[in-house]
Amino acid sequence: MSNPRYPDEFKIEAVRQVTERGIPVAEVAARLGMSTHSLYAWVKRYSKPEKQRVQEDDQQAELRRLRAELKRVTEERDTLKKAAAYFAKECG
Protein backbone atom coordinates (compact mmCIF):
# COMPACT_ATOMS: atom_id res chain seq x y z
CA MET A 1 0.00 0.00 0.00
CA SER A 2 1.47 3.34 -1.00
CA ASN A 3 1.33 6.46 1.09
CA PRO A 4 -0.92 9.18 -0.27
CA ARG A 5 0.58 12.51 -1.31
CA TYR A 6 -0.99 15.53 0.33
CA PRO A 7 -0.96 19.04 -1.13
CA ASP A 8 0.88 21.76 0.79
CA GLU A 9 -2.39 23.50 1.67
CA PHE A 10 -3.63 20.35 3.40
CA LYS A 11 -0.38 20.04 5.34
CA ILE A 12 -0.44 23.69 6.39
CA GLU A 13 -4.02 23.39 7.62
CA ALA A 14 -3.15 20.26 9.62
CA VAL A 15 -0.20 22.09 11.20
CA ARG A 16 -2.43 25.10 11.91
CA GLN A 17 -4.80 22.85 13.86
CA VAL A 18 -1.92 21.76 16.07
CA THR A 19 -0.10 25.08 16.48
CA GLU A 20 -2.88 27.67 16.51
CA ARG A 21 -5.88 25.73 17.81
CA GLY A 22 -3.90 23.65 20.29
CA ILE A 23 -5.37 20.30 19.24
CA PRO A 24 -3.04 17.42 20.18
CA VAL A 25 -0.99 15.91 17.37
CA ALA A 26 -2.33 12.41 18.05
CA GLU A 27 -5.93 13.62 17.74
CA VAL A 28 -5.35 15.51 14.49
CA ALA A 29 -3.41 12.58 13.01
CA ALA A 30 -6.14 10.10 13.95
CA ARG A 31 -8.86 12.33 12.51
CA LEU A 32 -6.94 12.73 9.24
CA GLY A 33 -6.00 9.03 9.06
CA MET A 34 -2.25 9.50 9.10
CA SER A 35 0.69 8.70 11.35
CA THR A 36 1.72 11.01 14.15
CA HIS A 37 5.30 10.81 12.85
CA SER A 38 4.25 12.40 9.56
CA LEU A 39 2.33 15.14 11.32
CA TYR A 40 5.26 15.92 13.62
CA ALA A 41 7.48 16.22 10.54
CA TRP A 42 4.94 18.59 8.97
CA VAL A 43 4.82 20.68 12.13
CA LYS A 44 8.61 20.93 12.12
CA ARG A 45 8.64 22.00 8.47
CA TYR A 46 5.50 24.11 8.03
CA SER A 47 5.58 26.03 11.31
CA LYS A 48 8.48 28.06 9.89
CA PRO A 49 7.85 31.20 7.81
CA GLU A 50 7.37 30.45 4.12
CA LYS A 51 10.45 32.44 3.08
CA GLN A 52 12.67 30.43 5.43
CA ARG A 53 11.06 27.16 4.33
CA VAL A 54 11.61 27.95 0.63
CA GLN A 55 15.22 28.92 1.35
CA GLU A 56 15.82 25.62 3.19
CA ASP A 57 14.20 23.68 0.33
CA ASP A 58 16.51 25.41 -2.15
CA GLN A 59 19.52 24.61 0.02
CA GLN A 60 18.50 20.95 0.26
CA ALA A 61 18.06 20.75 -3.53
CA GLU A 62 21.50 22.31 -4.05
CA LEU A 63 23.02 19.88 -1.55
CA ARG A 64 21.47 16.89 -3.38
CA ARG A 65 22.79 18.23 -6.70
CA LEU A 66 26.29 18.73 -5.31
CA ARG A 67 26.37 15.26 -3.74
CA ALA A 68 25.35 13.70 -7.06
CA GLU A 69 28.03 15.68 -8.87
CA LEU A 70 30.66 14.68 -6.30
CA LYS A 71 29.72 11.03 -6.74
CA ARG A 72 30.02 11.31 -10.52
CA VAL A 73 33.37 13.11 -10.38
CA THR A 74 34.74 10.61 -7.84
CA GLU A 75 33.77 7.72 -10.12
CA GLU A 76 35.43 9.45 -13.08
CA ARG A 77 38.61 10.00 -11.05
CA ASP A 78 38.72 6.36 -9.98
CA THR A 79 38.28 5.24 -13.59
CA LEU A 80 41.10 7.50 -14.71
CA LYS A 81 43.36 6.17 -11.94
CA LYS A 82 42.75 2.62 -13.10
CA ALA A 83 43.39 3.57 -16.72
CA ALA A 84 46.62 5.35 -15.81
CA ALA A 85 47.81 2.34 -13.82
CA TYR A 86 46.93 0.01 -16.70
CA PHE A 87 48.82 2.07 -19.29
CA ALA A 88 51.79 2.60 -16.97
CA LYS A 89 51.99 -1.17 -16.49
CA GLU A 90 51.91 -1.81 -20.27
CA CYS A 91 54.52 0.85 -21.04
CA GLY A 92 56.89 -0.08 -18.25
PDB file of N, CA and C in Angstrom:
ATOM      1  N   MET A   1       0.842  -1.178   0.000  1.00  0.00           N
ATOM      2  CA  MET A   1       0.000   0.000   0.000  1.00  0.00           C
ATOM      3  C   MET A   1       0.886   1.239   0.000  1.00  0.00           C
ATOM      4  N   SER A   2       0.643   2.140  -0.912  1.00  0.00           N
ATOM      5  CA  SER A   2       1.473   3.338  -0.999  1.00  0.00           C
ATOM      6  C   SER A   2       0.887   4.444  -0.130  1.00  0.00           C
ATOM      7  N   ASN A   3       1.767   5.329   0.278  1.00  0.00           N
ATOM      8  CA  ASN A   3       1.334   6.455   1.086  1.00  0.00           C
ATOM      9  C   ASN A   3       0.770   7.539   0.185  1.00  0.00           C
ATOM     10  N   PRO A   4      -0.353   8.128   0.578  1.00  0.00           N
ATOM     11  CA  PRO A   4      -0.923   9.184  -0.266  1.00  0.00           C
ATOM     12  C   PRO A   4      -0.088  10.455  -0.190  1.00  0.00           C
ATOM     13  N   ARG A   5      -0.097  11.212  -1.261  1.00  0.00           N
ATOM     14  CA  ARG A   5       0.578  12.513  -1.306  1.00  0.00           C
ATOM     15  C   ARG A   5      -0.459  13.571  -0.967  1.00  0.00           C
ATOM     16  N   TYR A   6      -0.087  14.465  -0.080  1.00  0.00           N
ATOM     17  CA  TYR A   6      -0.995  15.526   0.326  1.00  0.00           C
ATOM     18  C   TYR A   6      -0.481  16.856  -0.213  1.00  0.00           C
ATOM     19  N   PRO A   7      -1.402  17.721  -0.660  1.00  0.00           N
ATOM     20  CA  PRO A   7      -0.957  19.044  -1.129  1.00  0.00           C
ATOM     21  C   PRO A   7      -0.477  19.898   0.048  1.00  0.00           C
ATOM     22  N   ASP A   8       0.334  20.897  -0.256  1.00  0.00           N
ATOM     23  CA  ASP A   8       0.880  21.760   0.794  1.00  0.00           C
ATOM     24  C   ASP A   8      -0.215  22.446   1.602  1.00  0.00           C
ATOM     25  N   GLU A   9      -1.300  22.828   0.955  1.00  0.00           N
ATOM     26  CA  GLU A   9      -2.387  23.504   1.666  1.00  0.00           C
ATOM     27  C   GLU A   9      -2.974  22.594   2.744  1.00  0.00           C
ATOM     28  N   PHE A  10      -3.115  21.321   2.431  1.00  0.00           N
ATOM     29  CA  PHE A  10      -3.629  20.345   3.400  1.00  0.00           C
ATOM     30  C   PHE A  10      -2.673  20.233   4.587  1.00  0.00           C
ATOM     31  N   LYS A  11      -1.381  20.160   4.289  1.00  0.00           N
ATOM     32  CA  LYS A  11      -0.378  20.038   5.342  1.00  0.00           C
ATOM     33  C   LYS A  11      -0.373  21.272   6.236  1.00  0.00           C
ATOM     34  N   ILE A  12      -0.449  22.443   5.623  1.00  0.00           N
ATOM     35  CA  ILE A  12      -0.435  23.693   6.385  1.00  0.00           C
ATOM     36  C   ILE A  12      -1.653  23.776   7.290  1.00  0.00           C
ATOM     37  N   GLU A  13      -2.802  23.360   6.796  1.00  0.00           N
ATOM     38  CA  GLU A  13      -4.015  23.387   7.624  1.00  0.00           C
ATOM     39  C   GLU A  13      -3.910  22.400   8.780  1.00  0.00           C
ATOM     40  N   ALA A  14      -3.334  21.229   8.544  1.00  0.00           N
ATOM     41  CA  ALA A  14      -3.150  20.261   9.625  1.00  0.00           C
ATOM     42  C   ALA A  14      -2.208  20.827  10.686  1.00  0.00           C
ATOM     43  N   VAL A  15      -1.140  21.473  10.261  1.00  0.00           N
ATOM     44  CA  VAL A  15      -0.202  22.089  11.199  1.00  0.00           C
ATOM     45  C   VAL A  15      -0.879  23.219  11.957  1.00  0.00           C
ATOM     46  N   ARG A  16      -1.706  23.985  11.276  1.00  0.00           N
ATOM     47  CA  ARG A  16      -2.426  25.096  11.914  1.00  0.00           C
ATOM     48  C   ARG A  16      -3.336  24.579  13.037  1.00  0.00           C
ATOM     49  N   GLN A  17      -3.946  23.418  12.821  1.00  0.00           N
ATOM     50  CA  GLN A  17      -4.797  22.848  13.859  1.00  0.00           C
ATOM     51  C   GLN A  17      -3.994  22.537  15.115  1.00  0.00           C
ATOM     52  N   VAL A  18      -2.765  22.102  14.931  1.00  0.00           N
ATOM     53  CA  VAL A  18      -1.915  21.763  16.072  1.00  0.00           C
ATOM     54  C   VAL A  18      -1.355  23.020  16.729  1.00  0.00           C
ATOM     55  N   THR A  19      -0.820  23.925  15.914  1.00  0.00           N
ATOM     56  CA  THR A  19      -0.099  25.076  16.478  1.00  0.00           C
ATOM     57  C   THR A  19      -1.035  26.185  16.950  1.00  0.00           C
ATOM     58  N   GLU A  20      -2.031  26.538  16.167  1.00  0.00           N
ATOM     59  CA  GLU A  20      -2.885  27.670  16.513  1.00  0.00           C
ATOM     60  C   GLU A  20      -4.082  27.274  17.362  1.00  0.00           C
ATOM     61  N   ARG A  21      -4.680  26.147  17.075  1.00  0.00           N
ATOM     62  CA  ARG A  21      -5.876  25.735  17.815  1.00  0.00           C
ATOM     63  C   ARG A  21      -5.549  24.892  19.037  1.00  0.00           C
ATOM     64  N   GLY A  22      -4.322  24.404  19.112  1.00  0.00           N
ATOM     65  CA  GLY A  22      -3.896  23.648  20.285  1.00  0.00           C
ATOM     66  C   GLY A  22      -4.437  22.230  20.367  1.00  0.00           C
ATOM     67  N   ILE A  23      -4.866  21.681  19.252  1.00  0.00           N
ATOM     68  CA  ILE A  23      -5.370  20.304  19.236  1.00  0.00           C
ATOM     69  C   ILE A  23      -4.157  19.371  19.276  1.00  0.00           C
ATOM     70  N   PRO A  24      -4.195  18.330  20.099  1.00  0.00           N
ATOM     71  CA  PRO A  24      -3.039  17.419  20.184  1.00  0.00           C
ATOM     72  C   PRO A  24      -2.725  16.762  18.843  1.00  0.00           C
ATOM     73  N   VAL A  25      -1.450  16.511  18.624  1.00  0.00           N
ATOM     74  CA  VAL A  25      -0.989  15.912  17.372  1.00  0.00           C
ATOM     75  C   VAL A  25      -1.654  14.562  17.142  1.00  0.00           C
ATOM     76  N   ALA A  26      -1.738  13.752  18.189  1.00  0.00           N
ATOM     77  CA  ALA A  26      -2.334  12.414  18.047  1.00  0.00           C
ATOM     78  C   ALA A  26      -3.789  12.507  17.593  1.00  0.00           C
ATOM     79  N   GLU A  27      -4.522  13.477  18.110  1.00  0.00           N
ATOM     80  CA  GLU A  27      -5.934  13.621  17.742  1.00  0.00           C
ATOM     81  C   GLU A  27      -6.089  14.066  16.292  1.00  0.00           C
ATOM     82  N   VAL A  28      -5.289  15.033  15.872  1.00  0.00           N
ATOM     83  CA  VAL A  28      -5.351  15.507  14.486  1.00  0.00           C
ATOM     84  C   VAL A  28      -4.942  14.385  13.531  1.00  0.00           C
ATOM     85  N   ALA A  29      -3.884  13.667  13.873  1.00  0.00           N
ATOM     86  CA  ALA A  29      -3.412  12.577  13.012  1.00  0.00           C
ATOM     87  C   ALA A  29      -4.467  11.485  12.888  1.00  0.00           C
ATOM     88  N   ALA A  30      -5.107  11.141  13.997  1.00  0.00           N
ATOM     89  CA  ALA A  30      -6.138  10.104  13.953  1.00  0.00           C
ATOM     90  C   ALA A  30      -7.329  10.560  13.112  1.00  0.00           C
ATOM     91  N   ARG A  31      -7.721  11.808  13.261  1.00  0.00           N
ATOM     92  CA  ARG A  31      -8.863  12.329  12.513  1.00  0.00           C
ATOM     93  C   ARG A  31      -8.566  12.370  11.014  1.00  0.00           C
ATOM     94  N   LEU A  32      -7.317  12.641  10.657  1.00  0.00           N
ATOM     95  CA  LEU A  32      -6.945  12.726   9.242  1.00  0.00           C
ATOM     96  C   LEU A  32      -6.505  11.378   8.665  1.00  0.00           C
ATOM     97  N   GLY A  33      -6.373  10.365   9.532  1.00  0.00           N
ATOM     98  CA  GLY A  33      -6.001   9.033   9.059  1.00  0.00           C
ATOM     99  C   GLY A  33      -4.548   8.936   8.639  1.00  0.00           C
ATOM    100  N   MET A  34      -3.667   9.509   9.428  1.00  0.00           N
ATOM    101  CA  MET A  34      -2.249   9.498   9.100  1.00  0.00           C
ATOM    102  C   MET A  34      -1.449   9.212  10.353  1.00  0.00           C
ATOM    103  N   SER A  35      -0.148   9.002  10.193  1.00  0.00           N
ATOM    104  CA  SER A  35       0.688   8.702  11.351  1.00  0.00           C
ATOM    105  C   SER A  35       1.071   9.988  12.078  1.00  0.00           C
ATOM    106  N   THR A  36       1.294   9.855  13.372  1.00  0.00           N
ATOM    107  CA  THR A  36       1.722  11.015  14.152  1.00  0.00           C
ATOM    108  C   THR A  36       3.128  11.453  13.727  1.00  0.00           C
ATOM    109  N   HIS A  37       3.941  10.486  13.314  1.00  0.00           N
ATOM    110  CA  HIS A  37       5.301  10.813  12.852  1.00  0.00           C
ATOM    111  C   HIS A  37       5.251  11.786  11.676  1.00  0.00           C
ATOM    112  N   SER A  38       4.372  11.517  10.723  1.00  0.00           N
ATOM    113  CA  SER A  38       4.251  12.401   9.563  1.00  0.00           C
ATOM    114  C   SER A  38       3.800  13.789   9.982  1.00  0.00           C
ATOM    115  N   LEU A  39       2.835  13.845  10.883  1.00  0.00           N
ATOM    116  CA  LEU A  39       2.332  15.138  11.318  1.00  0.00           C
ATOM    117  C   LEU A  39       3.389  15.921  12.090  1.00  0.00           C
ATOM    118  N   TYR A  40       4.170  15.238  12.916  1.00  0.00           N
ATOM    119  CA  TYR A  40       5.263  15.917  13.617  1.00  0.00           C
ATOM    120  C   TYR A  40       6.268  16.488  12.614  1.00  0.00           C
ATOM    121  N   ALA A  41       6.560  15.736  11.564  1.00  0.00           N
ATOM    122  CA  ALA A  41       7.482  16.225  10.536  1.00  0.00           C
ATOM    123  C   ALA A  41       6.897  17.452   9.841  1.00  0.00           C
ATOM    124  N   TRP A  42       5.587  17.440   9.579  1.00  0.00           N
ATOM    125  CA  TRP A  42       4.940  18.592   8.966  1.00  0.00           C
ATOM    126  C   TRP A  42       4.998  19.804   9.886  1.00  0.00           C
ATOM    127  N   VAL A  43       4.772  19.575  11.171  1.00  0.00           N
ATOM    128  CA  VAL A  43       4.824  20.682  12.134  1.00  0.00           C
ATOM    129  C   VAL A  43       6.222  21.293  12.140  1.00  0.00           C
ATOM    130  N   LYS A  44       7.221  20.439  12.120  1.00  0.00           N
ATOM    131  CA  LYS A  44       8.610  20.932  12.116  1.00  0.00           C
ATOM    132  C   LYS A  44       8.881  21.767  10.868  1.00  0.00           C
ATOM    133  N   ARG A  45       8.356  21.322   9.731  1.00  0.00           N
ATOM    134  CA  ARG A  45       8.644  22.000   8.469  1.00  0.00           C
ATOM    135  C   ARG A  45       7.748  23.213   8.241  1.00  0.00           C
ATOM    136  N   TYR A  46       6.444  23.068   8.432  1.00  0.00           N
ATOM    137  CA  TYR A  46       5.503  24.109   8.032  1.00  0.00           C
ATOM    138  C   TYR A  46       5.204  25.135   9.120  1.00  0.00           C
ATOM    139  N   SER A  47       5.779  25.000  10.298  1.00  0.00           N
ATOM    140  CA  SER A  47       5.581  26.030  11.308  1.00  0.00           C
ATOM    141  C   SER A  47       6.566  27.180  11.125  1.00  0.00           C
ATOM    142  N   LYS A  48       7.519  27.002  10.210  1.00  0.00           N
ATOM    143  CA  LYS A  48       8.479  28.064   9.888  1.00  0.00           C
ATOM    144  C   LYS A  48       7.840  29.023   8.886  1.00  0.00           C
ATOM    145  N   PRO A  49       8.342  30.261   8.839  1.00  0.00           N
ATOM    146  CA  PRO A  49       7.851  31.197   7.812  1.00  0.00           C
ATOM    147  C   PRO A  49       8.133  30.659   6.413  1.00  0.00           C
ATOM    148  N   GLU A  50       7.258  31.001   5.471  1.00  0.00           N
ATOM    149  CA  GLU A  50       7.373  30.453   4.117  1.00  0.00           C
ATOM    150  C   GLU A  50       8.708  30.804   3.467  1.00  0.00           C
ATOM    151  N   LYS A  51       9.184  32.023   3.688  1.00  0.00           N
ATOM    152  CA  LYS A  51      10.448  32.445   3.077  1.00  0.00           C
ATOM    153  C   LYS A  51      11.597  31.559   3.567  1.00  0.00           C
ATOM    154  N   GLN A  52      11.622  31.280   4.863  1.00  0.00           N
ATOM    155  CA  GLN A  52      12.669  30.428   5.428  1.00  0.00           C
ATOM    156  C   GLN A  52      12.531  29.002   4.915  1.00  0.00           C
ATOM    157  N   ARG A  53      11.303  28.523   4.813  1.00  0.00           N
ATOM    158  CA  ARG A  53      11.055  27.162   4.327  1.00  0.00           C
ATOM    159  C   ARG A  53      11.513  27.005   2.877  1.00  0.00           C
ATOM    160  N   VAL A  54      11.205  28.002   2.040  1.00  0.00           N
ATOM    161  CA  VAL A  54      11.612  27.953   0.632  1.00  0.00           C
ATOM    162  C   VAL A  54      13.133  27.989   0.530  1.00  0.00           C
ATOM    163  N   GLN A  55      13.755  28.827   1.354  1.00  0.00           N
ATOM    164  CA  GLN A  55      15.215  28.920   1.351  1.00  0.00           C
ATOM    165  C   GLN A  55      15.841  27.581   1.749  1.00  0.00           C
ATOM    166  N   GLU A  56      15.293  26.923   2.766  1.00  0.00           N
ATOM    167  CA  GLU A  56      15.817  25.622   3.192  1.00  0.00           C
ATOM    168  C   GLU A  56      15.607  24.567   2.110  1.00  0.00           C
ATOM    169  N   ASP A  57      14.458  24.618   1.429  1.00  0.00           N
ATOM    170  CA  ASP A  57      14.205  23.677   0.333  1.00  0.00           C
ATOM    171  C   ASP A  57      15.224  23.869  -0.789  1.00  0.00           C
ATOM    172  N   ASP A  58      15.523  25.122  -1.108  1.00  0.00           N
ATOM    173  CA  ASP A  58      16.514  25.409  -2.145  1.00  0.00           C
ATOM    174  C   ASP A  58      17.894  24.903  -1.735  1.00  0.00           C
ATOM    175  N   GLN A  59      18.234  25.088  -0.467  1.00  0.00           N
ATOM    176  CA  GLN A  59      19.521  24.612   0.019  1.00  0.00           C
ATOM    177  C   GLN A  59      19.602  23.089  -0.042  1.00  0.00           C
ATOM    178  N   GLN A  60      18.517  22.411   0.315  1.00  0.00           N
ATOM    179  CA  GLN A  60      18.500  20.952   0.259  1.00  0.00           C
ATOM    180  C   GLN A  60      18.634  20.461  -1.187  1.00  0.00           C
ATOM    181  N   ALA A  61      17.964  21.133  -2.120  1.00  0.00           N
ATOM    182  CA  ALA A  61      18.064  20.751  -3.528  1.00  0.00           C
ATOM    183  C   ALA A  61      19.490  20.944  -4.033  1.00  0.00           C
ATOM    184  N   GLU A  62      20.118  22.049  -3.652  1.00  0.00           N
ATOM    185  CA  GLU A  62      21.502  22.308  -4.048  1.00  0.00           C
ATOM    186  C   GLU A  62      22.442  21.266  -3.451  1.00  0.00           C
ATOM    187  N   LEU A  63      22.198  20.893  -2.200  1.00  0.00           N
ATOM    188  CA  LEU A  63      23.022  19.882  -1.549  1.00  0.00           C
ATOM    189  C   LEU A  63      22.894  18.528  -2.255  1.00  0.00           C
ATOM    190  N   ARG A  64      21.668  18.145  -2.627  1.00  0.00           N
ATOM    191  CA  ARG A  64      21.469  16.892  -3.378  1.00  0.00           C
ATOM    192  C   ARG A  64      22.203  16.939  -4.711  1.00  0.00           C
ATOM    193  N   ARG A  65      22.124  18.080  -5.402  1.00  0.00           N
ATOM    194  CA  ARG A  65      22.793  18.225  -6.698  1.00  0.00           C
ATOM    195  C   ARG A  65      24.305  18.115  -6.534  1.00  0.00           C
ATOM    196  N   LEU A  66      24.845  18.774  -5.525  1.00  0.00           N
ATOM    197  CA  LEU A  66      26.290  18.733  -5.307  1.00  0.00           C
ATOM    198  C   LEU A  66      26.772  17.340  -4.915  1.00  0.00           C
ATOM    199  N   ARG A  67      25.992  16.634  -4.121  1.00  0.00           N
ATOM    200  CA  ARG A  67      26.374  15.264  -3.744  1.00  0.00           C
ATOM    201  C   ARG A  67      26.388  14.355  -4.966  1.00  0.00           C
ATOM    202  N   ALA A  68      25.386  14.511  -5.839  1.00  0.00           N
ATOM    203  CA  ALA A  68      25.345  13.696  -7.057  1.00  0.00           C
ATOM    204  C   ALA A  68      26.544  14.016  -7.951  1.00  0.00           C
ATOM    205  N   GLU A  69      26.880  15.294  -8.061  1.00  0.00           N
ATOM    206  CA  GLU A  69      28.028  15.682  -8.873  1.00  0.00           C
ATOM    207  C   GLU A  69      29.331  15.150  -8.276  1.00  0.00           C
ATOM    208  N   LEU A  70      29.459  15.218  -6.952  1.00  0.00           N
ATOM    209  CA  LEU A  70      30.657  14.683  -6.301  1.00  0.00           C
ATOM    210  C   LEU A  70      30.789  13.186  -6.548  1.00  0.00           C
ATOM    211  N   LYS A  71      29.689  12.468  -6.484  1.00  0.00           N
ATOM    212  CA  LYS A  71      29.721  11.028  -6.740  1.00  0.00           C
ATOM    213  C   LYS A  71      30.190  10.736  -8.164  1.00  0.00           C
ATOM    214  N   ARG A  72      29.646  11.506  -9.113  1.00  0.00           N
ATOM    215  CA  ARG A  72      30.021  11.308 -10.521  1.00  0.00           C
ATOM    216  C   ARG A  72      31.497  11.609 -10.736  1.00  0.00           C
ATOM    217  N   VAL A  73      31.981  12.708 -10.200  1.00  0.00           N
ATOM    218  CA  VAL A  73      33.374  13.110 -10.380  1.00  0.00           C
ATOM    219  C   VAL A  73      34.312  12.108  -9.704  1.00  0.00           C
ATOM    220  N   THR A  74      33.928  11.603  -8.537  1.00  0.00           N
ATOM    221  CA  THR A  74      34.743  10.605  -7.843  1.00  0.00           C
ATOM    222  C   THR A  74      34.848   9.329  -8.666  1.00  0.00           C
ATOM    223  N   GLU A  75      33.736   8.905  -9.270  1.00  0.00           N
ATOM    224  CA  GLU A  75      33.770   7.719 -10.124  1.00  0.00           C
ATOM    225  C   GLU A  75      34.663   7.946 -11.345  1.00  0.00           C
ATOM    226  N   GLU A  76      34.576   9.143 -11.933  1.00  0.00           N
ATOM    227  CA  GLU A  76      35.432   9.451 -13.082  1.00  0.00           C
ATOM    228  C   GLU A  76      36.905   9.422 -12.675  1.00  0.00           C
ATOM    229  N   ARG A  77      37.227   9.995 -11.530  1.00  0.00           N
ATOM    230  CA  ARG A  77      38.607  10.003 -11.046  1.00  0.00           C
ATOM    231  C   ARG A  77      39.120   8.589 -10.844  1.00  0.00           C
ATOM    232  N   ASP A  78      38.299   7.737 -10.224  1.00  0.00           N
ATOM    233  CA  ASP A  78      38.716   6.355  -9.979  1.00  0.00           C
ATOM    234  C   ASP A  78      38.951   5.614 -11.291  1.00  0.00           C
ATOM    235  N   THR A  79      38.106   5.866 -12.277  1.00  0.00           N
ATOM    236  CA  THR A  79      38.279   5.237 -13.585  1.00  0.00           C
ATOM    237  C   THR A  79      39.588   5.697 -14.230  1.00  0.00           C
ATOM    238  N   LEU A  80      39.855   6.982 -14.141  1.00  0.00           N
ATOM    239  CA  LEU A  80      41.102   7.504 -14.714  1.00  0.00           C
ATOM    240  C   LEU A  80      42.330   6.959 -13.990  1.00  0.00           C
ATOM    241  N   LYS A  81      42.249   6.772 -12.688  1.00  0.00           N
ATOM    242  CA  LYS A  81      43.360   6.175 -11.937  1.00  0.00           C
ATOM    243  C   LYS A  81      43.644   4.764 -12.439  1.00  0.00           C
ATOM    244  N   LYS A  82      42.578   3.998 -12.622  1.00  0.00           N
ATOM    245  CA  LYS A  82      42.746   2.622 -13.097  1.00  0.00           C
ATOM    246  C   LYS A  82      43.327   2.604 -14.496  1.00  0.00           C
ATOM    247  N   ALA A  83      42.867   3.510 -15.345  1.00  0.00           N
ATOM    248  CA  ALA A  83      43.386   3.572 -16.717  1.00  0.00           C
ATOM    249  C   ALA A  83      44.860   3.961 -16.712  1.00  0.00           C
ATOM    250  N   ALA A  84      45.221   4.928 -15.882  1.00  0.00           N
ATOM    251  CA  ALA A  84      46.618   5.354 -15.810  1.00  0.00           C
ATOM    252  C   ALA A  84      47.498   4.216 -15.311  1.00  0.00           C
ATOM    253  N   ALA A  85      47.028   3.468 -14.332  1.00  0.00           N
ATOM    254  CA  ALA A  85      47.807   2.339 -13.817  1.00  0.00           C
ATOM    255  C   ALA A  85      47.949   1.258 -14.887  1.00  0.00           C
ATOM    256  N   TYR A  86      46.896   1.015 -15.641  1.00  0.00           N
ATOM    257  CA  TYR A  86      46.929   0.009 -16.698  1.00  0.00           C
ATOM    258  C   TYR A  86      47.951   0.387 -17.771  1.00  0.00           C
ATOM    259  N   PHE A  87      47.902   1.644 -18.224  1.00  0.00           N
ATOM    260  CA  PHE A  87      48.818   2.068 -19.285  1.00  0.00           C
ATOM    261  C   PHE A  87      50.266   2.167 -18.772  1.00  0.00           C
ATOM    262  N   ALA A  88      50.439   2.542 -17.540  1.00  0.00           N
ATOM    263  CA  ALA A  88      51.788   2.597 -16.965  1.00  0.00           C
ATOM    264  C   ALA A  88      52.367   1.185 -16.887  1.00  0.00           C
ATOM    265  N   LYS A  89      51.551   0.211 -16.582  1.00  0.00           N
ATOM    266  CA  LYS A  89      51.987  -1.173 -16.493  1.00  0.00           C
ATOM    267  C   LYS A  89      52.384  -1.685 -17.872  1.00  0.00           C
ATOM    268  N   GLU A  90      51.608  -1.343 -18.914  1.00  0.00           N
ATOM    269  CA  GLU A  90      51.907  -1.814 -20.272  1.00  0.00           C
ATOM    270  C   GLU A  90      53.163  -1.143 -20.839  1.00  0.00           C
ATOM    271  N   CYS A  91      53.371   0.114 -20.498  1.00  0.00           N
ATOM    272  CA  CYS A  91      54.520   0.845 -21.044  1.00  0.00           C
ATOM    273  C   CYS A  91      55.814   0.503 -20.302  1.00  0.00           C
ATOM    274  N   GLY A  92      55.691   0.117 -19.049  1.00  0.00           N
ATOM    275  CA  GLY A  92      56.892  -0.084 -18.251  1.00  0.00           C
ATOM    276  C   GLY A  92      57.312  -1.479 -18.180  1.00  0.00           C
TER     277      GLY A  92
END
